[in-house]
Amino acid sequence: MTIESMSIGIAGVSKFTLKTHADNRGSLTEYFRGCWLSDYQPLQWSVTKSNRYVLRGMHVHLWRCDYLFVLSGEMTLGLCDVRPESPTFMKSWLGSVNFEQPQIWLIPPGVAHGFYTPGDCMYLLGTSTYWSIDDEFSCLWNDPDLDLSWGVKAPELSSRDANAGSLAQLVREIRGLKSAFLKAP
């Protein structure tokens, strides 16, 4: 595996480019080894299948790191650093991730992320903590302050994503929660 530092301008986001070994029988790609990651280790794995024109997000977690692998199809990945203490606070990035170029994306806590699937897509998501609604925060996918040009006007959204608040509200909520968390005995 080759580890690449992202030149996307968001602190802590990593992309791991994977090597596929192919011959006349097919191919093999290693998607995970415990020694590849040091700070966060996945505790839970989930597979998501998204139909075309679906947008999931923007979501952010305060305690959980996500590991994203596209298993089939392609997605547009949108990221925005909403950690007020981060040197890359409010920096965003948008790009294509697909099965043909196998990669692992490490998305640290405090980096908002969304996935748009222009066609059918299946992806594996590893998480460093077990899923909990208490670590699920969101904002509108098309908030202009995200500075993400998705290239889509009316994606299919969950009711939670369709009714999410603004990015400014999300940042205020995160600041309040982190402050309370840091002050807890």
Protein backbone atom coordinates (compact mmCIF):
# COMPACT_ATOMS: atom_id res chain seq x y z
CA MET A 1 0.00 0.00 0.00
CA THR A 2 1.12 3.52 -0.73
CA ILE A 3 0.15 6.19 1.78
CA GLU A 4 -0.51 9.57 0.23
CA SER A 5 -0.94 12.79 2.16
CA MET A 6 -3.84 14.71 0.79
CA SER A 7 -3.09 18.03 -0.77
CA ILE A 8 -6.70 19.06 -0.25
CA GLY A 9 -5.91 21.49 2.55
CA ILE A 10 -7.80 19.75 5.37
CA ALA A 11 -5.76 18.70 8.40
CA GLY A 12 -6.04 15.04 9.37
CA VAL A 13 -7.75 13.78 6.22
CA SER A 14 -5.75 10.96 4.66
CA LYS A 15 -6.04 9.02 1.44
CA PHE A 16 -4.47 5.60 1.19
CA THR A 17 -3.95 4.43 -2.38
CA LEU A 18 -4.29 0.66 -2.64
CA LYS A 19 -2.48 -1.71 -4.97
CA THR A 20 -4.45 -4.30 -6.88
CA HIS A 21 -2.73 -7.56 -7.84
CA ALA A 22 -4.26 -8.96 -11.03
CA ASP A 23 -3.70 -11.96 -13.25
CA ASN A 24 -5.77 -14.04 -15.68
CA ARG A 25 -7.95 -15.35 -12.80
CA GLY A 26 -9.03 -11.95 -11.50
CA SER A 27 -7.61 -9.64 -8.86
CA LEU A 28 -6.95 -9.10 -5.17
CA THR A 29 -6.87 -5.78 -3.34
CA GLU A 30 -6.11 -5.54 0.37
CA TYR A 31 -8.47 -3.03 1.97
CA PHE A 32 -7.31 -3.11 5.55
CA ARG A 33 -4.38 -4.06 7.75
CA GLY A 34 -4.28 -3.02 11.40
CA CYS A 35 -0.72 -1.74 11.03
CA TRP A 36 -1.73 0.85 8.41
CA LEU A 37 -3.46 3.14 10.88
CA SER A 38 -2.10 4.31 14.19
CA ASP A 39 -4.47 6.80 15.83
CA TYR A 40 -7.86 5.21 15.09
CA GLN A 41 -8.79 1.55 14.63
CA PRO A 42 -12.19 0.52 13.24
CA LEU A 43 -14.55 -1.17 15.71
CA GLN A 44 -17.58 -1.41 13.44
CA TRP A 45 -18.00 -2.07 9.70
CA SER A 46 -21.11 -1.22 7.67
CA VAL A 47 -21.93 -1.55 3.98
CA THR A 48 -24.11 1.11 2.38
CA LYS A 49 -25.74 0.83 -1.01
CA SER A 50 -26.87 4.12 -2.51
CA ASN A 51 -29.02 4.40 -5.60
CA ARG A 52 -28.26 6.99 -8.24
CA TYR A 53 -28.88 10.64 -7.43
CA VAL A 54 -28.68 10.06 -3.66
CA LEU A 55 -26.84 12.51 -1.44
CA ARG A 56 -26.03 11.54 2.15
CA GLY A 57 -24.85 14.37 4.36
CA MET A 58 -23.43 16.66 5.39
CA HIS A 59 -22.64 14.75 8.58
CA VAL A 60 -20.00 15.24 11.24
CA HIS A 61 -18.95 13.28 14.31
CA LEU A 62 -17.14 14.62 17.36
CA TRP A 63 -15.67 11.35 18.62
CA ARG A 64 -15.70 8.99 15.66
CA CYS A 65 -13.30 8.56 12.77
CA ASP A 66 -14.64 7.10 9.49
CA TYR A 67 -12.81 4.86 7.01
CA LEU A 68 -14.40 4.95 3.58
CA PHE A 69 -13.84 2.37 0.79
CA VAL A 70 -15.87 2.37 -2.43
CA LEU A 71 -16.68 -1.25 -3.30
CA SER A 72 -18.56 -0.62 -6.56
CA GLY A 73 -19.52 2.41 -8.58
CA GLU A 74 -18.48 5.96 -7.87
CA MET A 75 -19.29 8.84 -5.57
CA THR A 76 -18.55 12.49 -5.16
CA LEU A 77 -17.05 13.04 -1.72
CA GLY A 78 -17.49 16.44 -0.10
CA LEU A 79 -15.50 17.47 2.98
CA CYS A 80 -15.46 20.57 5.18
CA ASP A 81 -13.38 21.09 8.32
CA VAL A 82 -15.74 22.35 11.04
CA ARG A 83 -13.27 22.07 13.95
CA PRO A 84 -12.98 25.64 15.29
CA GLU A 85 -9.52 24.89 16.74
CA SER A 86 -8.18 23.44 13.47
CA PRO A 87 -5.66 25.34 11.31
CA THR A 88 -7.84 24.41 8.31
CA PHE A 89 -11.16 25.48 9.88
CA MET A 90 -13.84 26.01 7.17
CA LYS A 91 -11.64 24.63 4.35
CA SER A 92 -13.58 22.39 1.98
CA TRP A 93 -12.81 19.87 -0.75
CA LEU A 94 -14.89 18.02 -3.34
CA GLY A 95 -13.74 15.14 -5.55
CA SER A 96 -14.54 11.81 -7.15
CA VAL A 97 -13.89 8.46 -5.45
CA ASN A 98 -14.48 5.23 -7.35
CA PHE A 99 -13.95 1.48 -7.38
CA GLU A 100 -11.57 1.58 -10.36
CA GLN A 101 -8.96 3.48 -8.34
CA PRO A 102 -9.11 1.74 -4.94
CA GLN A 103 -8.53 4.05 -2.01
CA ILE A 104 -9.20 4.27 1.69
CA TRP A 105 -10.25 7.68 2.97
CA LEU A 106 -9.68 8.47 6.64
CA ILE A 107 -12.09 11.19 7.81
CA PRO A 108 -11.24 12.37 11.34
CA PRO A 109 -13.70 13.65 13.94
CA GLY A 110 -14.83 17.21 13.21
CA VAL A 111 -14.61 16.98 9.42
CA ALA A 112 -18.09 17.17 7.88
CA HIS A 113 -18.62 14.81 4.98
CA GLY A 114 -21.22 14.02 2.37
CA PHE A 115 -21.52 11.44 -0.39
CA TYR A 116 -23.32 12.01 -3.71
CA THR A 117 -23.81 8.98 -5.96
CA PRO A 118 -24.51 9.81 -9.63
CA GLY A 119 -25.10 6.07 -10.23
CA ASP A 120 -25.54 3.00 -8.07
CA CYS A 121 -22.71 2.82 -5.54
CA MET A 122 -21.77 0.51 -2.70
CA TYR A 123 -19.26 1.46 -0.05
CA LEU A 124 -17.81 0.07 3.15
CA LEU A 125 -17.59 2.36 6.15
CA GLY A 126 -15.44 1.45 9.13
CA THR A 127 -15.89 3.48 12.29
CA SER A 128 -13.54 3.94 15.25
CA THR A 129 -16.46 3.83 17.71
CA TYR A 130 -19.78 2.05 17.56
CA TRP A 131 -22.50 3.99 15.80
CA SER A 132 -24.47 6.23 18.16
CA ILE A 133 -27.09 8.89 17.47
CA ASP A 134 -25.32 10.95 20.15
CA ASP A 135 -22.40 11.44 17.74
CA GLU A 136 -24.45 12.36 14.66
CA PHE A 137 -24.58 16.04 13.70
CA SER A 138 -25.49 17.57 10.36
CA CYS A 139 -26.03 20.64 8.25
CA LEU A 140 -27.65 21.29 4.88
CA TRP A 141 -25.67 19.77 2.01
CA ASN A 142 -26.03 22.93 -0.10
CA ASP A 143 -25.28 25.57 2.53
CA PRO A 144 -23.28 28.20 0.60
CA ASP A 145 -20.78 28.50 3.48
CA LEU A 146 -19.67 24.90 2.79
CA ASP A 147 -18.26 26.11 -0.53
CA LEU A 148 -19.05 22.77 -2.21
CA SER A 149 -20.22 22.80 -5.84
CA TRP A 150 -21.91 19.41 -6.04
CA GLY A 151 -23.15 19.96 -9.60
CA VAL A 152 -26.62 18.74 -8.68
CA LYS A 153 -29.76 20.69 -7.83
CA ALA A 154 -32.26 18.19 -6.38
CA PRO A 155 -30.64 15.00 -5.06
CA GLU A 156 -32.61 12.39 -3.15
CA LEU A 157 -32.17 13.09 0.57
CA SER A 158 -33.24 11.51 3.84
CA SER A 159 -35.73 13.55 5.86
CA ARG A 160 -32.97 14.24 8.41
CA ASP A 161 -30.64 15.65 5.73
CA ALA A 162 -33.43 17.62 4.03
CA ASN A 163 -34.35 19.29 7.35
CA ALA A 164 -30.83 19.90 8.68
CA GLY A 165 -29.84 23.35 9.87
CA SER A 166 -27.21 25.71 8.55
CA LEU A 167 -23.46 25.26 8.75
CA ALA A 168 -23.29 28.22 11.16
CA GLN A 169 -25.77 26.45 13.48
CA LEU A 170 -23.72 23.25 13.30
CA VAL A 171 -20.49 25.04 14.21
CA ARG A 172 -22.21 26.75 17.18
CA GLU A 173 -23.57 23.38 18.35
CA ILE A 174 -20.15 21.72 18.06
CA ARG A 175 -18.48 24.55 19.97
CA GLY A 176 -21.02 24.23 22.78
CA LEU A 177 -20.78 20.45 22.96
CA LYS A 178 -16.99 20.38 22.89
CA SER A 179 -16.84 23.08 25.54
CA ALA A 180 -19.22 21.13 27.79
CA PHE A 181 -17.36 17.89 27.09
CA LEU A 182 -13.98 19.42 27.94
CA LYS A 183 -15.35 20.91 31.20
CA ALA A 184 -16.94 17.64 32.36
CA PRO A 185 -15.35 16.16 35.53
